[in-house]
Amino acid sequence: MMTNLQRLYPSEDLASRSILLSVADTGQACFTADLPGGASVAAAAQAALGGKFVDPRAALFLLPWEEACTMSHAFSMLHWRETTNFCPGCGAELRSRPAGHAKNCPSCDAVQYPMTSPVGITMITDAAQTRALLVRQGRHPPGMYSCVAGFLEPGETIESCIRREVAEEVGIDLDEVGYMGSQHWPFNGGQLMVGCYGRTEQTELDIDTEELEDARWFSAEEILEAYKRIQNNPMARIRNETQKGELWVPPRGTIANRMIKAWLTDCGLLAR
């Protein structure tokens, strides 16, 4: 594959544009590279590699989980290399280390590493496990609702972050918080989405309208229909094909979708 790329970019030092992501047990290395060129070069690259360039978000929604994780890793490393060029302490230009994801400052010896911001995201259900609370932000496509989420603040645990965000955004206290899983999200600088479940006996909401456009309790059956709808048309969010009046949930490739699926499975509405 590198030979094919070199034919497309004969004057480029592709090794210097590449980042080593991992090495498999078989010894095969996985690289990512930031390739130059316009539409004609991209078309030639697609033909040479037997693939197609797509929007990174669309790729996350369509790729198998393991490949999506690799793409997330690659996207984040390219972004970090492009945006982290000067020492925040003294302003000197940073130099890449020959191994590992790090850059050194030749002036003050400081070392810069890729940073990931932790975010708590919560699947909130009532005590009877018959309804779930989903929220909507103004930036969401029509009809799209998701889980409450927010950035971890200094000094917080994930549990305290979850409880604070839920209290601030929808005005309820959680009786129970538990860990479900996590996902790296490469956009907006890179985030670690830490998924939790939250249970509450409170049902009355006090919505922060500066943060949210809406928040509602939905029955398991309503969420099941929305889940099936997005599974059948995972590109609806990207193509803005969602419709107001219909409930939509985040597509596969997102931790919110995984949490919704897990809850519907626990409710007996999806097969394990």
C-alpha atoms as a PDB file:
ATOM      1  CA  MET A   1       0.000   0.000   0.000  1.00  0.00           C
ATOM      2  CA  MET A   2       2.857   2.386   0.792  1.00  0.00           C
ATOM      3  CA  THR A   3       4.235   1.674  -2.713  1.00  0.00           C
ATOM      4  CA  ASN A   4       0.904   2.663  -4.259  1.00  0.00           C
ATOM      5  CA  LEU A   5       0.852   5.881  -2.233  1.00  0.00           C
ATOM      6  CA  GLN A   6       4.425   6.721  -3.184  1.00  0.00           C
ATOM      7  CA  ARG A   7       3.451   6.532  -6.859  1.00  0.00           C
ATOM      8  CA  LEU A   8       0.773   9.141  -6.195  1.00  0.00           C
ATOM      9  CA  TYR A   9       3.128  11.364  -4.217  1.00  0.00           C
ATOM     10  CA  PRO A  10       6.583  10.824  -5.756  1.00  0.00           C
ATOM     11  CA  SER A  11       7.988  14.056  -4.318  1.00  0.00           C
ATOM     12  CA  GLU A  12       6.585  13.567  -0.799  1.00  0.00           C
ATOM     13  CA  ASP A  13       8.357  12.030   2.186  1.00  0.00           C
ATOM     14  CA  LEU A  14       5.402   9.895   3.236  1.00  0.00           C
ATOM     15  CA  ALA A  15       7.262   8.474   6.223  1.00  0.00           C
ATOM     16  CA  SER A  16       7.459  11.947   7.780  1.00  0.00           C
ATOM     17  CA  ARG A  17       3.712  12.431   7.218  1.00  0.00           C
ATOM     18  CA  SER A  18       2.839   9.104   8.871  1.00  0.00           C
ATOM     19  CA  ILE A  19       2.137   8.162  12.483  1.00  0.00           C
ATOM     20  CA  LEU A  20       2.528   4.648  13.854  1.00  0.00           C
ATOM     21  CA  LEU A  21      -0.692   3.646  15.602  1.00  0.00           C
ATOM     22  CA  SER A  22      -0.073   0.042  16.614  1.00  0.00           C
ATOM     23  CA  VAL A  23       1.706  -3.215  15.841  1.00  0.00           C
ATOM     24  CA  ALA A  24      -0.341  -6.422  15.707  1.00  0.00           C
ATOM     25  CA  ASP A  25       0.761  -9.713  17.266  1.00  0.00           C
ATOM     26  CA  THR A  26       1.653 -10.838  13.742  1.00  0.00           C
ATOM     27  CA  GLY A  27       4.113  -7.958  13.447  1.00  0.00           C
ATOM     28  CA  GLN A  28       1.987  -5.997  10.987  1.00  0.00           C
ATOM     29  CA  ALA A  29       2.160  -2.260  11.648  1.00  0.00           C
ATOM     30  CA  CYS A  30      -0.768   0.125  11.345  1.00  0.00           C
ATOM     31  CA  PHE A  31      -0.050   3.699  10.250  1.00  0.00           C
ATOM     32  CA  THR A  32      -2.091   6.798   9.561  1.00  0.00           C
ATOM     33  CA  ALA A  33      -0.982   9.601   7.257  1.00  0.00           C
ATOM     34  CA  ASP A  34      -2.069  13.128   6.418  1.00  0.00           C
ATOM     35  CA  LEU A  35      -2.033  13.160   2.619  1.00  0.00           C
ATOM     36  CA  PRO A  36      -1.737  16.344   0.529  1.00  0.00           C
ATOM     37  CA  GLY A  37      -3.560  17.127  -2.702  1.00  0.00           C
ATOM     38  CA  GLY A  38      -6.913  18.169  -4.096  1.00  0.00           C
ATOM     39  CA  ALA A  39      -9.852  16.347  -5.667  1.00  0.00           C
ATOM     40  CA  SER A  40      -7.868  14.824  -8.544  1.00  0.00           C
ATOM     41  CA  VAL A  41      -5.233  13.379  -6.227  1.00  0.00           C
ATOM     42  CA  ALA A  42      -7.940  12.082  -3.895  1.00  0.00           C
ATOM     43  CA  ALA A  43      -9.653  10.345  -6.814  1.00  0.00           C
ATOM     44  CA  ALA A  44      -6.360   8.729  -7.848  1.00  0.00           C
ATOM     45  CA  ALA A  45      -5.708   7.621  -4.265  1.00  0.00           C
ATOM     46  CA  GLN A  46      -9.156   6.052  -4.034  1.00  0.00           C
ATOM     47  CA  ALA A  47      -8.524   4.103  -7.237  1.00  0.00           C
ATOM     48  CA  ALA A  48      -5.066   2.975  -6.123  1.00  0.00           C
ATOM     49  CA  LEU A  49      -6.202   1.900  -2.663  1.00  0.00           C
ATOM     50  CA  GLY A  50      -9.525   0.427  -3.728  1.00  0.00           C
ATOM     51  CA  GLY A  51     -11.466   2.541  -1.256  1.00  0.00           C
ATOM     52  CA  LYS A  52     -13.307   5.804  -0.822  1.00  0.00           C
ATOM     53  CA  PHE A  53     -12.724   8.881   1.333  1.00  0.00           C
ATOM     54  CA  VAL A  54     -15.761   9.608   3.531  1.00  0.00           C
ATOM     55  CA  ASP A  55     -16.695  11.995   6.310  1.00  0.00           C
ATOM     56  CA  PRO A  56     -15.096  10.759   9.578  1.00  0.00           C
ATOM     57  CA  ARG A  57     -18.398  10.911  11.462  1.00  0.00           C
ATOM     58  CA  ALA A  58     -20.089   8.841   8.783  1.00  0.00           C
ATOM     59  CA  ALA A  59     -17.270   6.310   9.013  1.00  0.00           C
ATOM     60  CA  LEU A  60     -17.769   5.919  12.756  1.00  0.00           C
ATOM     61  CA  PHE A  61     -21.448   5.168  12.175  1.00  0.00           C
ATOM     62  CA  LEU A  62     -20.770   2.554   9.495  1.00  0.00           C
ATOM     63  CA  LEU A  63     -17.528   0.767  10.370  1.00  0.00           C
ATOM     64  CA  PRO A  64     -17.304  -2.338  12.578  1.00  0.00           C
ATOM     65  CA  TRP A  65     -16.407  -1.459  16.177  1.00  0.00           C
ATOM     66  CA  GLU A  66     -12.708  -2.417  15.990  1.00  0.00           C
ATOM     67  CA  GLU A  67     -12.148  -0.501  12.758  1.00  0.00           C
ATOM     68  CA  ALA A  68     -14.035   2.497  14.124  1.00  0.00           C
ATOM     69  CA  CYS A  69     -11.688   2.536  17.129  1.00  0.00           C
ATOM     70  CA  THR A  70      -8.676   2.519  14.795  1.00  0.00           C
ATOM     71  CA  MET A  71     -10.129   5.402  12.778  1.00  0.00           C
ATOM     72  CA  SER A  72     -10.844   7.337  15.973  1.00  0.00           C
ATOM     73  CA  HIS A  73      -7.243   6.834  17.083  1.00  0.00           C
ATOM     74  CA  ALA A  74      -5.897   7.940  13.703  1.00  0.00           C
ATOM     75  CA  PHE A  75      -8.092  11.036  13.452  1.00  0.00           C
ATOM     76  CA  SER A  76      -7.118  12.178  16.953  1.00  0.00           C
ATOM     77  CA  MET A  77      -3.377  11.691  16.402  1.00  0.00           C
ATOM     78  CA  LEU A  78      -3.391  13.625  13.137  1.00  0.00           C
ATOM     79  CA  HIS A  79      -5.317  16.452  14.771  1.00  0.00           C
ATOM     80  CA  TRP A  80      -2.920  16.518  17.740  1.00  0.00           C
ATOM     81  CA  ARG A  81       0.161  16.590  15.510  1.00  0.00           C
ATOM     82  CA  GLU A  82      -1.287  19.449  13.481  1.00  0.00           C
ATOM     83  CA  THR A  83      -2.386  21.602  16.437  1.00  0.00           C
ATOM     84  CA  THR A  84       0.333  20.937  19.046  1.00  0.00           C
ATOM     85  CA  ASN A  85       3.427  22.658  17.707  1.00  0.00           C
ATOM     86  CA  PHE A  86       4.657  25.071  20.386  1.00  0.00           C
ATOM     87  CA  CYS A  87       5.532  24.679  24.053  1.00  0.00           C
ATOM     88  CA  PRO A  88       2.814  26.196  26.297  1.00  0.00           C
ATOM     89  CA  GLY A  89       5.481  27.040  28.869  1.00  0.00           C
ATOM     90  CA  CYS A  90       8.129  28.914  26.894  1.00  0.00           C
ATOM     91  CA  GLY A  91       6.766  29.122  23.348  1.00  0.00           C
ATOM     92  CA  ALA A  92       9.582  27.205  21.657  1.00  0.00           C
ATOM     93  CA  GLU A  93       8.774  24.947  18.715  1.00  0.00           C
ATOM     94  CA  LEU A  94       8.212  21.345  19.773  1.00  0.00           C
ATOM     95  CA  ARG A  95       9.988  18.333  18.295  1.00  0.00           C
ATOM     96  CA  SER A  96       8.439  14.915  17.815  1.00  0.00           C
ATOM     97  CA  ARG A  97       9.934  12.010  19.720  1.00  0.00           C
ATOM     98  CA  PRO A  98      11.214   9.094  17.627  1.00  0.00           C
ATOM     99  CA  ALA A  99       8.945   6.707  19.536  1.00  0.00           C
ATOM    100  CA  GLY A 100       5.651   7.099  21.365  1.00  0.00           C
ATOM    101  CA  HIS A 101       3.007   9.796  21.094  1.00  0.00           C
ATOM    102  CA  ALA A 102       4.884  12.764  22.557  1.00  0.00           C
ATOM    103  CA  LYS A 103       6.652  16.003  21.634  1.00  0.00           C
ATOM    104  CA  ASN A 104       9.651  17.499  23.415  1.00  0.00           C
ATOM    105  CA  CYS A 105      10.531  21.140  23.976  1.00  0.00           C
ATOM    106  CA  PRO A 106      14.218  21.674  23.117  1.00  0.00           C
ATOM    107  CA  SER A 107      14.302  24.811  25.253  1.00  0.00           C
ATOM    108  CA  CYS A 108      12.799  23.836  28.624  1.00  0.00           C
ATOM    109  CA  ASP A 109      12.647  20.010  28.226  1.00  0.00           C
ATOM    110  CA  ALA A 110       8.891  19.917  28.798  1.00  0.00           C
ATOM    111  CA  VAL A 111       7.047  16.995  27.210  1.00  0.00           C
ATOM    112  CA  GLN A 112       3.608  17.313  25.616  1.00  0.00           C
ATOM    113  CA  TYR A 113       1.280  14.333  25.248  1.00  0.00           C
ATOM    114  CA  PRO A 114      -2.070  13.981  23.477  1.00  0.00           C
ATOM    115  CA  MET A 115      -4.878  14.976  25.826  1.00  0.00           C
ATOM    116  CA  THR A 116      -8.356  13.463  26.082  1.00  0.00           C
ATOM    117  CA  SER A 117     -11.179  15.204  27.962  1.00  0.00           C
ATOM    118  CA  PRO A 118     -13.422  12.901  30.036  1.00  0.00           C
ATOM    119  CA  VAL A 119     -17.187  13.207  29.543  1.00  0.00           C
ATOM    120  CA  GLY A 120     -19.882  11.492  31.587  1.00  0.00           C
ATOM    121  CA  ILE A 121     -22.918  10.285  29.626  1.00  0.00           C
ATOM    122  CA  THR A 122     -25.927   8.732  31.329  1.00  0.00           C
ATOM    123  CA  MET A 123     -28.813   6.442  30.440  1.00  0.00           C
ATOM    124  CA  ILE A 124     -31.422   7.552  32.988  1.00  0.00           C
ATOM    125  CA  THR A 125     -34.339   5.264  33.801  1.00  0.00           C
ATOM    126  CA  ASP A 126     -37.161   5.303  36.303  1.00  0.00           C
ATOM    127  CA  ALA A 127     -37.214   2.973  39.303  1.00  0.00           C
ATOM    128  CA  ALA A 128     -39.543   0.524  37.533  1.00  0.00           C
ATOM    129  CA  GLN A 129     -37.244   0.346  34.480  1.00  0.00           C
ATOM    130  CA  THR A 130     -40.184   1.022  32.164  1.00  0.00           C
ATOM    131  CA  ARG A 131     -39.207   4.503  30.966  1.00  0.00           C
ATOM    132  CA  ALA A 132     -35.988   6.317  30.060  1.00  0.00           C
ATOM    133  CA  LEU A 133     -35.176  10.010  30.076  1.00  0.00           C
ATOM    134  CA  LEU A 134     -33.698  11.406  26.856  1.00  0.00           C
ATOM    135  CA  VAL A 135     -32.762  14.990  26.065  1.00  0.00           C
ATOM    136  CA  ARG A 136     -32.531  17.146  22.983  1.00  0.00           C
ATOM    137  CA  GLN A 137     -30.139  19.985  22.158  1.00  0.00           C
ATOM    138  CA  GLY A 138     -30.761  22.605  19.500  1.00  0.00           C
ATOM    139  CA  ARG A 139     -27.871  21.307  17.374  1.00  0.00           C
ATOM    140  CA  HIS A 140     -29.459  17.852  17.088  1.00  0.00           C
ATOM    141  CA  PRO A 141     -31.205  16.897  13.824  1.00  0.00           C
ATOM    142  CA  PRO A 142     -35.024  17.036  13.864  1.00  0.00           C
ATOM    143  CA  GLY A 143     -36.521  14.476  16.241  1.00  0.00           C
ATOM    144  CA  MET A 144     -33.136  13.349  17.621  1.00  0.00           C
ATOM    145  CA  TYR A 145     -32.897  12.723  21.389  1.00  0.00           C
ATOM    146  CA  SER A 146     -29.915  11.383  23.284  1.00  0.00           C
ATOM    147  CA  CYS A 147     -28.556  10.822  26.794  1.00  0.00           C
ATOM    148  CA  VAL A 148     -27.550  13.525  29.277  1.00  0.00           C
ATOM    149  CA  ALA A 149     -23.815  14.226  28.941  1.00  0.00           C
ATOM    150  CA  GLY A 150     -21.283  16.700  30.292  1.00  0.00           C
ATOM    151  CA  PHE A 151     -17.582  17.301  30.842  1.00  0.00           C
ATOM    152  CA  LEU A 152     -15.864  16.233  34.015  1.00  0.00           C
ATOM    153  CA  GLU A 153     -14.790  19.218  36.128  1.00  0.00           C
ATOM    154  CA  PRO A 154     -11.524  19.322  38.131  1.00  0.00           C
ATOM    155  CA  GLY A 155     -11.790  17.346  41.366  1.00  0.00           C
ATOM    156  CA  GLU A 156     -14.854  15.348  40.270  1.00  0.00           C
ATOM    157  CA  THR A 157     -15.307  11.622  39.943  1.00  0.00           C
ATOM    158  CA  ILE A 158     -17.347  10.314  37.035  1.00  0.00           C
ATOM    159  CA  GLU A 159     -20.200   9.548  39.464  1.00  0.00           C
ATOM    160  CA  SER A 160     -20.242  13.092  40.866  1.00  0.00           C
ATOM    161  CA  CYS A 161     -20.024  14.519  37.336  1.00  0.00           C
ATOM    162  CA  ILE A 162     -23.041  12.446  36.285  1.00  0.00           C
ATOM    163  CA  ARG A 163     -25.090  13.489  39.310  1.00  0.00           C
ATOM    164  CA  ARG A 164     -24.223  17.177  38.827  1.00  0.00           C
ATOM    165  CA  GLU A 165     -24.982  17.228  35.104  1.00  0.00           C
ATOM    166  CA  VAL A 166     -28.334  15.497  35.564  1.00  0.00           C
ATOM    167  CA  ALA A 167     -29.297  17.845  38.397  1.00  0.00           C
ATOM    168  CA  GLU A 168     -28.263  20.918  36.396  1.00  0.00           C
ATOM    169  CA  GLU A 169     -29.867  19.961  33.096  1.00  0.00           C
ATOM    170  CA  VAL A 170     -33.109  18.242  34.098  1.00  0.00           C
ATOM    171  CA  GLY A 171     -33.448  19.005  37.827  1.00  0.00           C
ATOM    172  CA  ILE A 172     -33.572  15.481  39.246  1.00  0.00           C
ATOM    173  CA  ASP A 173     -31.417  13.573  41.726  1.00  0.00           C
ATOM    174  CA  LEU A 174     -30.194  10.097  40.852  1.00  0.00           C
ATOM    175  CA  ASP A 175     -30.638   7.330  43.420  1.00  0.00           C
ATOM    176  CA  GLU A 176     -28.111   5.045  41.742  1.00  0.00           C
ATOM    177  CA  VAL A 177     -25.222   5.508  39.309  1.00  0.00           C
ATOM    178  CA  GLY A 178     -23.249   2.648  37.766  1.00  0.00           C
ATOM    179  CA  TYR A 179     -20.626   2.196  35.073  1.00  0.00           C
ATOM    180  CA  MET A 180     -21.636   0.701  31.704  1.00  0.00           C
ATOM    181  CA  GLY A 181     -18.756   1.232  29.274  1.00  0.00           C
ATOM    182  CA  SER A 182     -16.675   3.816  27.450  1.00  0.00           C
ATOM    183  CA  GLN A 183     -15.819   5.108  23.994  1.00  0.00           C
ATOM    184  CA  HIS A 184     -13.212   7.441  22.593  1.00  0.00           C
ATOM    185  CA  TRP A 185     -14.775  10.257  20.559  1.00  0.00           C
ATOM    186  CA  PRO A 186     -12.183  11.910  18.289  1.00  0.00           C
ATOM    187  CA  PHE A 187     -13.985  15.160  17.502  1.00  0.00           C
ATOM    188  CA  ASN A 188     -13.793  18.515  19.283  1.00  0.00           C
ATOM    189  CA  GLY A 189     -10.264  17.853  20.468  1.00  0.00           C
ATOM    190  CA  GLY A 190     -10.818  14.265  21.633  1.00  0.00           C
ATOM    191  CA  GLN A 191     -13.056  13.005  24.429  1.00  0.00           C
ATOM    192  CA  LEU A 192     -13.398   9.835  26.471  1.00  0.00           C
ATOM    193  CA  MET A 193     -17.123   9.169  26.753  1.00  0.00           C
ATOM    194  CA  VAL A 194     -17.727   7.308  30.027  1.00  0.00           C
ATOM    195  CA  GLY A 195     -21.144   5.687  29.872  1.00  0.00           C
ATOM    196  CA  CYS A 196     -23.159   5.135  33.049  1.00  0.00           C
ATOM    197  CA  TYR A 197     -26.682   4.164  33.966  1.00  0.00           C
ATOM    198  CA  GLY A 198     -28.651   6.285  36.413  1.00  0.00           C
ATOM    199  CA  ARG A 199     -31.877   5.403  38.203  1.00  0.00           C
ATOM    200  CA  THR A 200     -34.279   7.750  39.917  1.00  0.00           C
ATOM    201  CA  GLU A 201     -37.677   7.769  41.560  1.00  0.00           C
ATOM    202  CA  GLN A 202     -38.232  11.401  40.540  1.00  0.00           C
ATOM    203  CA  THR A 203     -40.282  11.999  37.419  1.00  0.00           C
ATOM    204  CA  GLU A 204     -40.931  15.765  37.421  1.00  0.00           C
ATOM    205  CA  LEU A 205     -38.377  17.637  35.333  1.00  0.00           C
ATOM    206  CA  ASP A 206     -36.931  21.133  35.680  1.00  0.00           C
ATOM    207  CA  ILE A 207     -35.252  21.646  32.294  1.00  0.00           C
ATOM    208  CA  ASP A 208     -32.353  24.050  31.821  1.00  0.00           C
ATOM    209  CA  THR A 209     -33.553  25.705  28.624  1.00  0.00           C
ATOM    210  CA  GLU A 210     -30.184  27.379  28.045  1.00  0.00           C
ATOM    211  CA  GLU A 211     -28.571  23.947  27.679  1.00  0.00           C
ATOM    212  CA  LEU A 212     -31.466  21.869  26.327  1.00  0.00           C
ATOM    213  CA  GLU A 213     -34.250  22.347  23.851  1.00  0.00           C
ATOM    214  CA  ASP A 214     -36.315  19.554  25.406  1.00  0.00           C
ATOM    215  CA  ALA A 215     -36.202  16.569  27.767  1.00  0.00           C
ATOM    216  CA  ARG A 216     -38.823  13.824  28.043  1.00  0.00           C
ATOM    217  CA  TRP A 217     -39.575  10.468  29.563  1.00  0.00           C
ATOM    218  CA  PHE A 218     -40.124   7.870  26.846  1.00  0.00           C
ATOM    219  CA  SER A 219     -41.537   4.374  27.227  1.00  0.00           C
ATOM    220  CA  ALA A 220     -39.371   1.384  26.381  1.00  0.00           C
ATOM    221  CA  GLU A 221     -41.648   0.669  23.402  1.00  0.00           C
ATOM    222  CA  GLU A 222     -41.184   4.204  22.018  1.00  0.00           C
ATOM    223  CA  ILE A 223     -37.421   3.947  22.344  1.00  0.00           C
ATOM    224  CA  LEU A 224     -37.445   0.499  20.729  1.00  0.00           C
ATOM    225  CA  GLU A 225     -39.161   1.921  17.646  1.00  0.00           C
ATOM    226  CA  ALA A 226     -36.639   4.779  17.497  1.00  0.00           C
ATOM    227  CA  TYR A 227     -33.760   2.316  17.871  1.00  0.00           C
ATOM    228  CA  LYS A 228     -35.048   0.182  15.005  1.00  0.00           C
ATOM    229  CA  ARG A 229     -35.560   3.302  12.897  1.00  0.00           C
ATOM    230  CA  ILE A 230     -31.919   4.416  13.196  1.00  0.00           C
ATOM    231  CA  GLN A 231     -30.586   0.861  12.770  1.00  0.00           C
ATOM    232  CA  ASN A 232     -32.429   0.628   9.455  1.00  0.00           C
ATOM    233  CA  ASN A 233     -31.158   4.042   8.330  1.00  0.00           C
ATOM    234  CA  PRO A 234     -27.874   4.801  10.144  1.00  0.00           C
ATOM    235  CA  MET A 235     -27.024   7.658   7.766  1.00  0.00           C
ATOM    236  CA  ALA A 236     -30.209   9.570   8.570  1.00  0.00           C
ATOM    237  CA  ARG A 237     -28.360  11.803  11.053  1.00  0.00           C
ATOM    238  CA  ILE A 238     -25.621  12.715   8.564  1.00  0.00           C
ATOM    239  CA  ARG A 239     -28.040  13.261   5.682  1.00  0.00           C
ATOM    240  CA  ASN A 240     -30.543  15.210   7.825  1.00  0.00           C
ATOM    241  CA  GLU A 241     -33.259  12.715   6.953  1.00  0.00           C
ATOM    242  CA  THR A 242     -34.705  12.638  10.455  1.00  0.00           C
ATOM    243  CA  GLN A 243     -38.168  14.105  10.769  1.00  0.00           C
ATOM    244  CA  LYS A 244     -39.793  16.238  13.425  1.00  0.00           C
ATOM    245  CA  GLY A 245     -42.611  14.327  15.084  1.00  0.00           C
ATOM    246  CA  GLU A 246     -40.671  11.046  14.979  1.00  0.00           C
ATOM    247  CA  LEU A 247     -38.350   9.997  17.785  1.00  0.00           C
ATOM    248  CA  TRP A 248     -34.781   9.287  16.647  1.00  0.00           C
ATOM    249  CA  VAL A 249     -31.850   8.152  18.781  1.00  0.00           C
ATOM    250  CA  PRO A 250     -28.095   8.316  18.031  1.00  0.00           C
ATOM    251  CA  PRO A 251     -26.847   5.838  15.401  1.00  0.00           C
ATOM    252  CA  ARG A 252     -24.630   2.820  15.938  1.00  0.00           C
ATOM    253  CA  GLY A 253     -21.022   3.790  16.423  1.00  0.00           C
ATOM    254  CA  THR A 254     -21.969   5.980  19.393  1.00  0.00           C
ATOM    255  CA  ILE A 255     -21.931   4.944  23.036  1.00  0.00           C
ATOM    256  CA  ALA A 256     -25.442   6.383  23.462  1.00  0.00           C
ATOM    257  CA  ASN A 257     -26.701   3.829  20.940  1.00  0.00           C
ATOM    258  CA  ARG A 258     -24.898   1.040  22.796  1.00  0.00           C
ATOM    259  CA  MET A 259     -26.416   2.084  26.124  1.00  0.00           C
ATOM    260  CA  ILE A 260     -29.899   2.296  24.664  1.00  0.00           C
ATOM    261  CA  LYS A 261     -29.464  -1.148  23.117  1.00  0.00           C
ATOM    262  CA  ALA A 262     -28.255  -2.579  26.452  1.00  0.00           C
ATOM    263  CA  TRP A 263     -31.261  -1.155  28.297  1.00  0.00           C
ATOM    264  CA  LEU A 264     -33.735  -2.445  25.697  1.00  0.00           C
ATOM    265  CA  THR A 265     -32.066  -5.851  25.954  1.00  0.00           C
ATOM    266  CA  ASP A 266     -32.401  -5.825  29.753  1.00  0.00           C
ATOM    267  CA  CYS A 267     -36.075  -4.941  29.278  1.00  0.00           C
ATOM    268  CA  GLY A 268     -36.483  -8.086  27.151  1.00  0.00           C
ATOM    269  CA  LEU A 269     -37.295  -6.125  23.983  1.00  0.00           C
ATOM    270  CA  LEU A 270     -34.115  -7.099  22.115  1.00  0.00           C
ATOM    271  CA  ALA A 271     -32.432 -10.474  21.924  1.00  0.00           C
ATOM    272  CA  ARG A 272     -29.117 -10.885  23.714  1.00  0.00           C
END
